[in-house]
Amino acid sequence: MSQGSEDQNLAIEALFLKGINMSRDGRFADAIAFYDQVLAIQPNDYQAWYNRASALFSLQDYEGAVASYDKALTIYPDSPEAWYNRGSVLLNCNRLEEAIDSYEHATDLRSDYYQAWYSRASTFLKLLRYAEALESCLRTIEIQPDYHPAWYGKGVSLFGLRRHKEAVEAFDRALELNPRRDKAWFHRGLAQMGLGQYTQAVSSFEKALEIDPDKRDVWYHQGLALYHMDRLDEAIASYEEALSMLPKNGTLYYNIACCYSLQREAMAAIANLQHAIELNPRQFKEMAASDPDFDYISHRAEFKDLIDLDLDHEEYV
């Protein structure tokens, strides 16, 4: 090796090291500048393009990151890590089909790449393609049996396929591995509701809320479960917690109105129904007109005035 080549290699190595150190310090723009210097000397340096892409990803420059991963893969197309990371960037861009394609390249190159299998499953879930998501979760678990996100993903996939009993079992395993995953408790509760197990569902929702009390979806579904158990005061309290986080949600007002009507509290029922109708006249007037929950107040003039608005009027079309 000539002295000039050796000096160039040392210079490239020094620039690489500076880029790596900058990334470690969170100075990603500076890291990119060093990688660009490497590429000015050595344009086909796979690792420089790969590291540059990672730094751009950290800066949330997703399009730039994809372009750099593409360049890296042109140089070295057999890198499962580059395909996997490219998939993660595309997922953040909501380019879901392309993300799946990248994850499949990664697993083709490394069949035991469980992170890529799970990311593939997560992307299928975003597309509501539950059977394919389940297949990828099962492959992940086969490779890494104690990987709790895959058990959670399996449960969500099974729930999407309406296989509620199996979904509960999958969530149980996920929670054995990570009992602090509030989403697993929440989805466990949803699956239990699908089985008509409302008492168990409420227990699951309570666990989720112990971990994160600011989840309006959990409060809402806890309210639904309590409603089905005729625990109406508690249902109202749960709906009101959700309403404090989502004050313009007509469904919450409507459900509260149902509970009050079933409790024979006419004025509270009518007041909440009025709020719901103000937010979405067509939907809630039509629902209330045929909802047996309002039998107690259906004869009252206030109720009739609420649901007798002209739905063909331009304000409601």
C-alpha atoms as a PDB file:
ATOM      1  CA  MET A   1       0.000   0.000   0.000  1.00  0.00           C
ATOM      2  CA  SER A   2       1.385   3.424  -0.929  1.00  0.00           C
ATOM      3  CA  GLN A   3       1.896   6.127   1.663  1.00  0.00           C
ATOM      4  CA  GLY A   4      -0.825   8.203  -0.015  1.00  0.00           C
ATOM      5  CA  SER A   5      -3.378   5.380   0.213  1.00  0.00           C
ATOM      6  CA  GLU A   6      -2.485   4.746   3.826  1.00  0.00           C
ATOM      7  CA  ASP A   7      -2.880   8.434   4.673  1.00  0.00           C
ATOM      8  CA  GLN A   8      -6.258   8.500   2.906  1.00  0.00           C
ATOM      9  CA  ASN A   9      -7.461   5.462   4.841  1.00  0.00           C
ATOM     10  CA  LEU A  10      -6.378   7.062   8.106  1.00  0.00           C
ATOM     11  CA  ALA A  11      -8.217  10.261   7.164  1.00  0.00           C
ATOM     12  CA  ILE A  12     -11.385   8.300   6.357  1.00  0.00           C
ATOM     13  CA  GLU A  13     -11.113   6.381   9.617  1.00  0.00           C
ATOM     14  CA  ALA A  14     -10.736   9.634  11.572  1.00  0.00           C
ATOM     15  CA  LEU A  15     -13.766  11.178   9.850  1.00  0.00           C
ATOM     16  CA  PHE A  16     -15.803   8.046  10.552  1.00  0.00           C
ATOM     17  CA  LEU A  17     -14.868   8.149  14.209  1.00  0.00           C
ATOM     18  CA  LYS A  18     -15.855  11.808  14.459  1.00  0.00           C
ATOM     19  CA  GLY A  19     -19.193  11.047  12.796  1.00  0.00           C
ATOM     20  CA  ILE A  20     -19.882   8.184  15.196  1.00  0.00           C
ATOM     21  CA  ASN A  21     -18.977  10.323  18.216  1.00  0.00           C
ATOM     22  CA  MET A  22     -21.213  13.148  17.004  1.00  0.00           C
ATOM     23  CA  SER A  23     -24.139  10.735  16.646  1.00  0.00           C
ATOM     24  CA  ARG A  24     -23.520   9.383  20.135  1.00  0.00           C
ATOM     25  CA  ASP A  25     -23.668  12.963  21.445  1.00  0.00           C
ATOM     26  CA  GLY A  26     -26.926  13.599  19.586  1.00  0.00           C
ATOM     27  CA  ARG A  27     -25.252  16.017  17.149  1.00  0.00           C
ATOM     28  CA  PHE A  28     -26.671  14.346  14.078  1.00  0.00           C
ATOM     29  CA  ALA A  29     -26.244  17.243  11.642  1.00  0.00           C
ATOM     30  CA  ASP A  30     -22.538  17.395  12.512  1.00  0.00           C
ATOM     31  CA  ALA A  31     -22.310  13.613  12.099  1.00  0.00           C
ATOM     32  CA  ILE A  32     -23.804  13.894   8.607  1.00  0.00           C
ATOM     33  CA  ALA A  33     -21.224  16.541   7.704  1.00  0.00           C
ATOM     34  CA  PHE A  34     -18.409  14.128   8.606  1.00  0.00           C
ATOM     35  CA  TYR A  35     -20.001  11.266   6.669  1.00  0.00           C
ATOM     36  CA  ASP A  36     -20.343  13.601   3.679  1.00  0.00           C
ATOM     37  CA  GLN A  37     -16.602  14.239   3.889  1.00  0.00           C
ATOM     38  CA  VAL A  38     -16.002  10.486   3.801  1.00  0.00           C
ATOM     39  CA  LEU A  39     -18.255  10.173   0.754  1.00  0.00           C
ATOM     40  CA  ALA A  40     -16.454  13.016  -1.011  1.00  0.00           C
ATOM     41  CA  ILE A  41     -13.311  10.875  -0.795  1.00  0.00           C
ATOM     42  CA  GLN A  42     -14.957   7.469  -1.207  1.00  0.00           C
ATOM     43  CA  PRO A  43     -18.412   7.787  -2.859  1.00  0.00           C
ATOM     44  CA  ASN A  44     -19.207   4.067  -2.733  1.00  0.00           C
ATOM     45  CA  ASP A  45     -18.603   3.603   0.972  1.00  0.00           C
ATOM     46  CA  TYR A  46     -21.537   1.487   2.166  1.00  0.00           C
ATOM     47  CA  GLN A  47     -20.999   2.199   5.862  1.00  0.00           C
ATOM     48  CA  ALA A  48     -20.885   5.961   5.344  1.00  0.00           C
ATOM     49  CA  TRP A  49     -24.210   5.904   3.482  1.00  0.00           C
ATOM     50  CA  TYR A  50     -25.681   3.601   6.139  1.00  0.00           C
ATOM     51  CA  ASN A  51     -24.531   5.800   9.037  1.00  0.00           C
ATOM     52  CA  ARG A  52     -25.663   8.918   7.188  1.00  0.00           C
ATOM     53  CA  ALA A  53     -29.132   7.387   6.762  1.00  0.00           C
ATOM     54  CA  SER A  54     -29.315   6.560  10.475  1.00  0.00           C
ATOM     55  CA  ALA A  55     -28.402  10.149  11.394  1.00  0.00           C
ATOM     56  CA  LEU A  56     -31.014  11.541   8.998  1.00  0.00           C
ATOM     57  CA  PHE A  57     -33.598   9.197  10.543  1.00  0.00           C
ATOM     58  CA  SER A  58     -32.736  10.597  13.977  1.00  0.00           C
ATOM     59  CA  LEU A  59     -33.332  14.106  12.580  1.00  0.00           C
ATOM     60  CA  GLN A  60     -36.718  12.898  11.260  1.00  0.00           C
ATOM     61  CA  ASP A  61     -35.591  13.620   7.712  1.00  0.00           C
ATOM     62  CA  TYR A  62     -37.290  10.470   6.498  1.00  0.00           C
ATOM     63  CA  GLU A  63     -37.082  11.107   2.769  1.00  0.00           C
ATOM     64  CA  GLY A  64     -33.369  11.837   3.075  1.00  0.00           C
ATOM     65  CA  ALA A  65     -32.886   8.707   5.167  1.00  0.00           C
ATOM     66  CA  VAL A  66     -34.642   6.518   2.582  1.00  0.00           C
ATOM     67  CA  ALA A  67     -32.459   7.991  -0.174  1.00  0.00           C
ATOM     68  CA  SER A  68     -29.293   7.232   1.809  1.00  0.00           C
ATOM     69  CA  TYR A  69     -30.420   3.679   2.626  1.00  0.00           C
ATOM     70  CA  ASP A  70     -31.202   3.211  -1.076  1.00  0.00           C
ATOM     71  CA  LYS A  71     -27.678   4.310  -1.920  1.00  0.00           C
ATOM     72  CA  ALA A  72     -26.215   1.971   0.713  1.00  0.00           C
ATOM     73  CA  LEU A  73     -28.254  -0.931  -0.660  1.00  0.00           C
ATOM     74  CA  THR A  74     -27.136  -0.198  -4.208  1.00  0.00           C
ATOM     75  CA  ILE A  75     -23.590  -0.788  -2.955  1.00  0.00           C
ATOM     76  CA  TYR A  76     -24.389  -3.736  -0.679  1.00  0.00           C
ATOM     77  CA  PRO A  77     -27.855  -5.176  -1.376  1.00  0.00           C
ATOM     78  CA  ASP A  78     -27.407  -8.121   1.002  1.00  0.00           C
ATOM     79  CA  SER A  79     -27.523  -6.106   4.232  1.00  0.00           C
ATOM     80  CA  PRO A  80     -30.533  -7.226   6.316  1.00  0.00           C
ATOM     81  CA  GLU A  81     -29.947  -4.329   8.738  1.00  0.00           C
ATOM     82  CA  ALA A  82     -30.170  -1.726   5.976  1.00  0.00           C
ATOM     83  CA  TRP A  83     -33.375  -3.269   4.617  1.00  0.00           C
ATOM     84  CA  TYR A  84     -34.831  -3.403   8.134  1.00  0.00           C
ATOM     85  CA  ASN A  85     -33.961   0.211   8.933  1.00  0.00           C
ATOM     86  CA  ARG A  86     -35.242   1.324   5.539  1.00  0.00           C
ATOM     87  CA  GLY A  87     -38.534  -0.368   6.428  1.00  0.00           C
ATOM     88  CA  SER A  88     -38.686   1.505   9.734  1.00  0.00           C
ATOM     89  CA  VAL A  89     -38.184   4.835   7.956  1.00  0.00           C
ATOM     90  CA  LEU A  90     -40.882   4.008   5.406  1.00  0.00           C
ATOM     91  CA  LEU A  91     -43.216   3.040   8.245  1.00  0.00           C
ATOM     92  CA  ASN A  92     -42.695   6.499   9.743  1.00  0.00           C
ATOM     93  CA  CYS A  93     -43.560   7.986   6.332  1.00  0.00           C
ATOM     94  CA  ASN A  94     -46.756   5.892   6.293  1.00  0.00           C
ATOM     95  CA  ARG A  95     -45.506   4.169   3.130  1.00  0.00           C
ATOM     96  CA  LEU A  96     -46.733   0.887   4.502  1.00  0.00           C
ATOM     97  CA  GLU A  97     -46.600  -1.424   1.490  1.00  0.00           C
ATOM     98  CA  GLU A  98     -43.022  -0.323   0.786  1.00  0.00           C
ATOM     99  CA  ALA A  99     -42.145  -0.884   4.442  1.00  0.00           C
ATOM    100  CA  ILE A 100     -43.460  -4.459   4.254  1.00  0.00           C
ATOM    101  CA  ASP A 101     -41.388  -5.043   1.129  1.00  0.00           C
ATOM    102  CA  SER A 102     -38.254  -3.857   2.963  1.00  0.00           C
ATOM    103  CA  TYR A 103     -38.952  -6.055   5.990  1.00  0.00           C
ATOM    104  CA  GLU A 104     -39.445  -9.028   3.682  1.00  0.00           C
ATOM    105  CA  HIS A 105     -36.053  -8.362   2.086  1.00  0.00           C
ATOM    106  CA  ALA A 106     -34.560  -8.345   5.595  1.00  0.00           C
ATOM    107  CA  THR A 107     -36.152 -11.667   6.577  1.00  0.00           C
ATOM    108  CA  ASP A 108     -35.239 -13.240   3.239  1.00  0.00           C
ATOM    109  CA  LEU A 109     -31.614 -12.417   3.980  1.00  0.00           C
ATOM    110  CA  ARG A 110     -31.800 -13.413   7.643  1.00  0.00           C
ATOM    111  CA  SER A 111     -34.650 -15.751   8.444  1.00  0.00           C
ATOM    112  CA  ASP A 112     -34.211 -15.433  12.238  1.00  0.00           C
ATOM    113  CA  TYR A 113     -34.411 -11.625  12.210  1.00  0.00           C
ATOM    114  CA  TYR A 114     -37.248 -11.490  14.736  1.00  0.00           C
ATOM    115  CA  GLN A 115     -37.342  -7.687  14.906  1.00  0.00           C
ATOM    116  CA  ALA A 116     -38.033  -7.564  11.169  1.00  0.00           C
ATOM    117  CA  TRP A 117     -40.746 -10.228  11.466  1.00  0.00           C
ATOM    118  CA  TYR A 118     -42.412  -8.251  14.264  1.00  0.00           C
ATOM    119  CA  SER A 119     -42.148  -4.940  12.399  1.00  0.00           C
ATOM    120  CA  ARG A 120     -43.731  -6.655   9.405  1.00  0.00           C
ATOM    121  CA  ALA A 121     -46.570  -7.776  11.704  1.00  0.00           C
ATOM    122  CA  SER A 122     -47.011  -4.258  13.100  1.00  0.00           C
ATOM    123  CA  THR A 123     -47.250  -2.845   9.586  1.00  0.00           C
ATOM    124  CA  PHE A 124     -49.861  -5.422   8.594  1.00  0.00           C
ATOM    125  CA  LEU A 125     -51.831  -4.415  11.703  1.00  0.00           C
ATOM    126  CA  LYS A 126     -51.815  -0.792  10.550  1.00  0.00           C
ATOM    127  CA  LEU A 127     -53.310  -2.040   7.281  1.00  0.00           C
ATOM    128  CA  LEU A 128     -55.886  -4.145   9.209  1.00  0.00           C
ATOM    129  CA  ARG A 129     -54.521  -7.262   7.503  1.00  0.00           C
ATOM    130  CA  TYR A 130     -54.921  -9.407  10.590  1.00  0.00           C
ATOM    131  CA  ALA A 131     -54.241 -12.860   9.146  1.00  0.00           C
ATOM    132  CA  GLU A 132     -50.894 -11.751   7.717  1.00  0.00           C
ATOM    133  CA  ALA A 133     -50.047  -9.925  10.943  1.00  0.00           C
ATOM    134  CA  LEU A 134     -50.796 -13.083  12.925  1.00  0.00           C
ATOM    135  CA  GLU A 135     -48.549 -15.150  10.664  1.00  0.00           C
ATOM    136  CA  SER A 136     -45.648 -12.742  11.251  1.00  0.00           C
ATOM    137  CA  CYS A 137     -46.260 -12.656  15.022  1.00  0.00           C
ATOM    138  CA  LEU A 138     -46.201 -16.454  15.156  1.00  0.00           C
ATOM    139  CA  ARG A 139     -42.901 -16.470  13.267  1.00  0.00           C
ATOM    140  CA  THR A 140     -41.495 -13.900  15.702  1.00  0.00           C
ATOM    141  CA  ILE A 141     -42.545 -16.005  18.693  1.00  0.00           C
ATOM    142  CA  GLU A 142     -41.074 -19.120  17.117  1.00  0.00           C
ATOM    143  CA  ILE A 143     -37.698 -17.352  16.969  1.00  0.00           C
ATOM    144  CA  GLN A 144     -37.963 -15.393  20.242  1.00  0.00           C
ATOM    145  CA  PRO A 145     -40.583 -17.004  22.531  1.00  0.00           C
ATOM    146  CA  ASP A 146     -40.291 -14.405  25.308  1.00  0.00           C
ATOM    147  CA  TYR A 147     -40.605 -11.325  23.112  1.00  0.00           C
ATOM    148  CA  HIS A 148     -43.638  -9.690  24.716  1.00  0.00           C
ATOM    149  CA  PRO A 149     -44.464  -7.255  21.862  1.00  0.00           C
ATOM    150  CA  ALA A 150     -45.042 -10.256  19.587  1.00  0.00           C
ATOM    151  CA  TRP A 151     -47.499 -11.790  22.063  1.00  0.00           C
ATOM    152  CA  TYR A 152     -49.279  -8.454  22.227  1.00  0.00           C
ATOM    153  CA  GLY A 153     -49.339  -8.260  18.422  1.00  0.00           C
ATOM    154  CA  LYS A 154     -50.648 -11.823  18.292  1.00  0.00           C
ATOM    155  CA  GLY A 155     -53.472 -10.833  20.629  1.00  0.00           C
ATOM    156  CA  VAL A 156     -54.388  -7.771  18.561  1.00  0.00           C
ATOM    157  CA  SER A 157     -54.336  -9.883  15.379  1.00  0.00           C
ATOM    158  CA  LEU A 158     -56.593 -12.526  16.919  1.00  0.00           C
ATOM    159  CA  PHE A 159     -58.935  -9.843  18.241  1.00  0.00           C
ATOM    160  CA  GLY A 160     -59.134  -8.376  14.738  1.00  0.00           C
ATOM    161  CA  LEU A 161     -60.050 -11.852  13.480  1.00  0.00           C
ATOM    162  CA  ARG A 162     -62.747 -12.075  16.220  1.00  0.00           C
ATOM    163  CA  ARG A 163     -60.968 -15.005  17.851  1.00  0.00           C
ATOM    164  CA  HIS A 164     -61.534 -13.461  21.265  1.00  0.00           C
ATOM    165  CA  LYS A 165     -60.718 -16.402  23.523  1.00  0.00           C
ATOM    166  CA  GLU A 166     -57.349 -16.955  21.839  1.00  0.00           C
ATOM    167  CA  ALA A 167     -56.729 -13.211  21.960  1.00  0.00           C
ATOM    168  CA  VAL A 168     -57.198 -13.172  25.750  1.00  0.00           C
ATOM    169  CA  GLU A 169     -54.730 -16.043  26.069  1.00  0.00           C
ATOM    170  CA  ALA A 170     -52.164 -14.153  23.975  1.00  0.00           C
ATOM    171  CA  PHE A 171     -52.616 -10.996  26.052  1.00  0.00           C
ATOM    172  CA  ASP A 172     -52.235 -13.074  29.220  1.00  0.00           C
ATOM    173  CA  ARG A 173     -48.842 -14.268  27.983  1.00  0.00           C
ATOM    174  CA  ALA A 174     -47.818 -10.737  26.985  1.00  0.00           C
ATOM    175  CA  LEU A 175     -48.721  -9.526  30.473  1.00  0.00           C
ATOM    176  CA  GLU A 176     -46.817 -12.347  32.147  1.00  0.00           C
ATOM    177  CA  LEU A 177     -43.751 -11.076  30.313  1.00  0.00           C
ATOM    178  CA  ASN A 178     -44.503  -7.370  30.837  1.00  0.00           C
ATOM    179  CA  PRO A 179     -47.279  -6.582  33.329  1.00  0.00           C
ATOM    180  CA  ARG A 180     -46.805  -2.814  32.844  1.00  0.00           C
ATOM    181  CA  ARG A 181     -47.982  -2.754  29.231  1.00  0.00           C
ATOM    182  CA  ASP A 182     -51.212  -0.773  29.542  1.00  0.00           C
ATOM    183  CA  LYS A 183     -52.212  -1.416  25.917  1.00  0.00           C
ATOM    184  CA  ALA A 184     -52.180  -5.163  26.558  1.00  0.00           C
ATOM    185  CA  TRP A 185     -54.508  -4.711  29.552  1.00  0.00           C
ATOM    186  CA  PHE A 186     -56.778  -2.503  27.428  1.00  0.00           C
ATOM    187  CA  HIS A 187     -56.964  -4.927  24.512  1.00  0.00           C
ATOM    188  CA  ARG A 188     -57.414  -7.825  26.915  1.00  0.00           C
ATOM    189  CA  GLY A 189     -60.459  -5.961  28.209  1.00  0.00           C
ATOM    190  CA  LEU A 190     -61.790  -5.470  24.682  1.00  0.00           C
ATOM    191  CA  ALA A 191     -61.428  -9.181  23.944  1.00  0.00           C
ATOM    192  CA  GLN A 192     -63.179 -10.042  27.214  1.00  0.00           C
ATOM    193  CA  MET A 193     -66.032  -7.730  26.238  1.00  0.00           C
ATOM    194  CA  GLY A 194     -66.219  -9.627  22.952  1.00  0.00           C
ATOM    195  CA  LEU A 195     -66.771 -12.764  25.044  1.00  0.00           C
ATOM    196  CA  GLY A 196     -69.411 -11.036  27.177  1.00  0.00           C
ATOM    197  CA  GLN A 197     -67.068 -11.191  30.204  1.00  0.00           C
ATOM    198  CA  TYR A 198     -67.812  -7.690  31.439  1.00  0.00           C
ATOM    199  CA  THR A 199     -66.613  -8.150  35.028  1.00  0.00           C
ATOM    200  CA  GLN A 200     -63.229  -9.391  33.803  1.00  0.00           C
ATOM    201  CA  ALA A 201     -63.115  -6.595  31.232  1.00  0.00           C
ATOM    202  CA  VAL A 202     -63.606  -3.948  33.920  1.00  0.00           C
ATOM    203  CA  SER A 203     -60.739  -5.488  35.899  1.00  0.00           C
ATOM    204  CA  SER A 204     -58.512  -5.302  32.813  1.00  0.00           C
ATOM    205  CA  PHE A 205     -59.468  -1.679  32.155  1.00  0.00           C
ATOM    206  CA  GLU A 206     -58.770  -0.803  35.792  1.00  0.00           C
ATOM    207  CA  LYS A 207     -55.281  -2.303  35.444  1.00  0.00           C
ATOM    208  CA  ALA A 208     -54.685  -0.249  32.300  1.00  0.00           C
ATOM    209  CA  LEU A 209     -55.801   2.925  34.086  1.00  0.00           C
ATOM    210  CA  GLU A 210     -53.538   2.224  37.064  1.00  0.00           C
ATOM    211  CA  ILE A 211     -50.626   2.400  34.630  1.00  0.00           C
ATOM    212  CA  ASP A 212     -51.889   5.370  32.597  1.00  0.00           C
ATOM    213  CA  PRO A 213     -54.996   7.172  33.869  1.00  0.00           C
ATOM    214  CA  ASP A 214     -55.074   9.566  30.901  1.00  0.00           C
ATOM    215  CA  LYS A 215     -56.314   7.097  28.286  1.00  0.00           C
ATOM    216  CA  ARG A 216     -59.743   8.270  27.190  1.00  0.00           C
ATOM    217  CA  ASP A 217     -60.395   5.118  25.132  1.00  0.00           C
ATOM    218  CA  VAL A 218     -59.975   3.009  28.264  1.00  0.00           C
ATOM    219  CA  TRP A 219     -62.353   5.183  30.280  1.00  0.00           C
ATOM    220  CA  TYR A 220     -64.891   5.008  27.445  1.00  0.00           C
ATOM    221  CA  HIS A 221     -64.785   1.228  27.140  1.00  0.00           C
ATOM    222  CA  GLN A 222     -64.832   0.812  30.902  1.00  0.00           C
ATOM    223  CA  GLY A 223     -68.025   2.857  30.816  1.00  0.00           C
ATOM    224  CA  LEU A 224     -69.485   0.523  28.190  1.00  0.00           C
ATOM    225  CA  ALA A 225     -68.636  -2.569  30.229  1.00  0.00           C
ATOM    226  CA  LEU A 226     -70.152  -1.054  33.380  1.00  0.00           C
ATOM    227  CA  TYR A 227     -73.271  -0.089  31.410  1.00  0.00           C
ATOM    228  CA  HIS A 228     -73.693  -3.714  30.309  1.00  0.00           C
ATOM    229  CA  MET A 229     -73.461  -4.726  33.988  1.00  0.00           C
ATOM    230  CA  ASP A 230     -76.139  -2.154  34.991  1.00  0.00           C
ATOM    231  CA  ARG A 231     -73.573  -0.356  37.161  1.00  0.00           C
ATOM    232  CA  LEU A 232     -74.862   2.910  35.794  1.00  0.00           C
ATOM    233  CA  ASP A 233     -73.417   5.393  38.302  1.00  0.00           C
ATOM    234  CA  GLU A 234     -69.956   3.966  37.666  1.00  0.00           C
ATOM    235  CA  ALA A 235     -70.560   3.956  33.918  1.00  0.00           C
ATOM    236  CA  ILE A 236     -71.473   7.653  34.036  1.00  0.00           C
ATOM    237  CA  ALA A 237     -68.327   8.394  36.065  1.00  0.00           C
ATOM    238  CA  SER A 238     -66.170   6.588  33.492  1.00  0.00           C
ATOM    239  CA  TYR A 239     -67.806   8.377  30.572  1.00  0.00           C
ATOM    240  CA  GLU A 240     -67.320  11.712  32.336  1.00  0.00           C
ATOM    241  CA  GLU A 241     -63.608  10.981  32.793  1.00  0.00           C
ATOM    242  CA  ALA A 242     -63.383  10.371  29.043  1.00  0.00           C
ATOM    243  CA  LEU A 243     -65.434  13.509  28.400  1.00  0.00           C
ATOM    244  CA  SER A 244     -62.990  15.618  30.421  1.00  0.00           C
ATOM    245  CA  MET A 245     -60.341  14.656  27.847  1.00  0.00           C
ATOM    246  CA  LEU A 246     -62.629  14.788  24.806  1.00  0.00           C
ATOM    247  CA  PRO A 247     -65.280  17.444  25.515  1.00  0.00           C
ATOM    248  CA  LYS A 248     -66.704  17.545  21.979  1.00  0.00           C
ATOM    249  CA  ASN A 249     -67.523  13.836  21.748  1.00  0.00           C
ATOM    250  CA  GLY A 250     -71.229  13.376  21.118  1.00  0.00           C
ATOM    251  CA  THR A 251     -71.139   9.623  21.734  1.00  0.00           C
ATOM    252  CA  LEU A 252     -70.057  10.191  25.327  1.00  0.00           C
ATOM    253  CA  TYR A 253     -72.923  12.614  25.960  1.00  0.00           C
ATOM    254  CA  TYR A 254     -75.324  10.182  24.307  1.00  0.00           C
ATOM    255  CA  ASN A 255     -74.169   7.246  26.427  1.00  0.00           C
ATOM    256  CA  ILE A 256     -74.416   9.324  29.597  1.00  0.00           C
ATOM    257  CA  ALA A 257     -77.954  10.284  28.576  1.00  0.00           C
ATOM    258  CA  CYS A 258     -78.821   6.592  28.169  1.00  0.00           C
ATOM    259  CA  CYS A 259     -77.566   5.840  31.676  1.00  0.00           C
ATOM    260  CA  TYR A 260     -79.527   8.697  33.228  1.00  0.00           C
ATOM    261  CA  SER A 261     -82.697   7.655  31.412  1.00  0.00           C
ATOM    262  CA  LEU A 262     -82.316   4.084  32.686  1.00  0.00           C
ATOM    263  CA  GLN A 263     -81.941   5.568  36.180  1.00  0.00           C
ATOM    264  CA  ARG A 264     -85.174   7.554  35.621  1.00  0.00           C
ATOM    265  CA  GLU A 265     -83.339  10.868  35.919  1.00  0.00           C
ATOM    266  CA  ALA A 266     -85.218  12.586  33.131  1.00  0.00           C
ATOM    267  CA  MET A 267     -83.737  16.090  33.183  1.00  0.00           C
ATOM    268  CA  ALA A 268     -80.130  14.859  33.301  1.00  0.00           C
ATOM    269  CA  ALA A 269     -80.888  12.447  30.444  1.00  0.00           C
ATOM    270  CA  ILE A 270     -82.449  15.186  28.313  1.00  0.00           C
ATOM    271  CA  ALA A 271     -79.626  17.665  29.028  1.00  0.00           C
ATOM    272  CA  ASN A 272     -76.952  15.193  27.932  1.00  0.00           C
ATOM    273  CA  LEU A 273     -78.942  14.062  24.906  1.00  0.00           C
ATOM    274  CA  GLN A 274     -79.288  17.707  23.892  1.00  0.00           C
ATOM    275  CA  HIS A 275     -75.486  18.111  24.034  1.00  0.00           C
ATOM    276  CA  ALA A 276     -75.072  15.031  21.824  1.00  0.00           C
ATOM    277  CA  ILE A 277     -77.635  16.268  19.292  1.00  0.00           C
ATOM    278  CA  GLU A 278     -76.019  19.712  19.165  1.00  0.00           C
ATOM    279  CA  LEU A 279     -72.747  18.026  18.181  1.00  0.00           C
ATOM    280  CA  ASN A 280     -74.252  15.677  15.572  1.00  0.00           C
ATOM    281  CA  PRO A 281     -77.978  16.215  14.974  1.00  0.00           C
ATOM    282  CA  ARG A 282     -78.615  13.576  12.320  1.00  0.00           C
ATOM    283  CA  GLN A 283     -76.771  10.711  14.004  1.00  0.00           C
ATOM    284  CA  PHE A 284     -78.068  11.118  17.535  1.00  0.00           C
ATOM    285  CA  LYS A 285     -81.644  12.126  16.726  1.00  0.00           C
ATOM    286  CA  GLU A 286     -82.073   8.988  14.610  1.00  0.00           C
ATOM    287  CA  MET A 287     -80.453   6.800  17.273  1.00  0.00           C
ATOM    288  CA  ALA A 288     -82.509   8.260  20.121  1.00  0.00           C
ATOM    289  CA  ALA A 289     -85.795   7.888  18.251  1.00  0.00           C
ATOM    290  CA  SER A 290     -85.552   4.081  18.356  1.00  0.00           C
ATOM    291  CA  ASP A 291     -83.363   3.467  21.418  1.00  0.00           C
ATOM    292  CA  PRO A 292     -85.219   1.570  24.184  1.00  0.00           C
ATOM    293  CA  ASP A 293     -82.897   3.145  26.753  1.00  0.00           C
ATOM    294  CA  PHE A 294     -85.016   6.285  26.343  1.00  0.00           C
ATOM    295  CA  ASP A 295     -88.377   4.603  26.938  1.00  0.00           C
ATOM    296  CA  TYR A 296     -88.670   6.355  30.310  1.00  0.00           C
ATOM    297  CA  ILE A 297     -88.463   9.836  28.744  1.00  0.00           C
ATOM    298  CA  SER A 298     -89.852   9.163  25.253  1.00  0.00           C
ATOM    299  CA  HIS A 299     -93.289  10.573  26.164  1.00  0.00           C
ATOM    300  CA  ARG A 300     -91.912  13.864  27.458  1.00  0.00           C
ATOM    301  CA  ALA A 301     -92.322  17.016  25.387  1.00  0.00           C
ATOM    302  CA  GLU A 302     -88.652  17.931  25.840  1.00  0.00           C
ATOM    303  CA  PHE A 303     -87.574  14.603  24.335  1.00  0.00           C
ATOM    304  CA  LYS A 304     -90.015  14.903  21.437  1.00  0.00           C
ATOM    305  CA  ASP A 305     -88.800  18.430  20.716  1.00  0.00           C
ATOM    306  CA  LEU A 306     -85.210  17.173  20.570  1.00  0.00           C
ATOM    307  CA  ILE A 307     -85.836  14.355  18.124  1.00  0.00           C
ATOM    308  CA  ASP A 308     -88.489  16.050  15.987  1.00  0.00           C
ATOM    309  CA  LEU A 309     -86.087  18.449  14.260  1.00  0.00           C
ATOM    310  CA  ASP A 310     -86.476  18.438  10.481  1.00  0.00           C
ATOM    311  CA  LEU A 311     -83.640  16.215   9.260  1.00  0.00           C
ATOM    312  CA  ASP A 312     -84.114  17.478   5.703  1.00  0.00           C
ATOM    313  CA  HIS A 313     -83.377  21.054   6.751  1.00  0.00           C
ATOM    314  CA  GLU A 314     -80.129  22.244   5.145  1.00  0.00           C
ATOM    315  CA  GLU A 315     -78.538  22.733   8.588  1.00  0.00           C
ATOM    316  CA  TYR A 316     -78.682  18.969   9.203  1.00  0.00           C
ATOM    317  CA  VAL A 317     -77.922  17.609   5.717  1.00  0.00           C
END
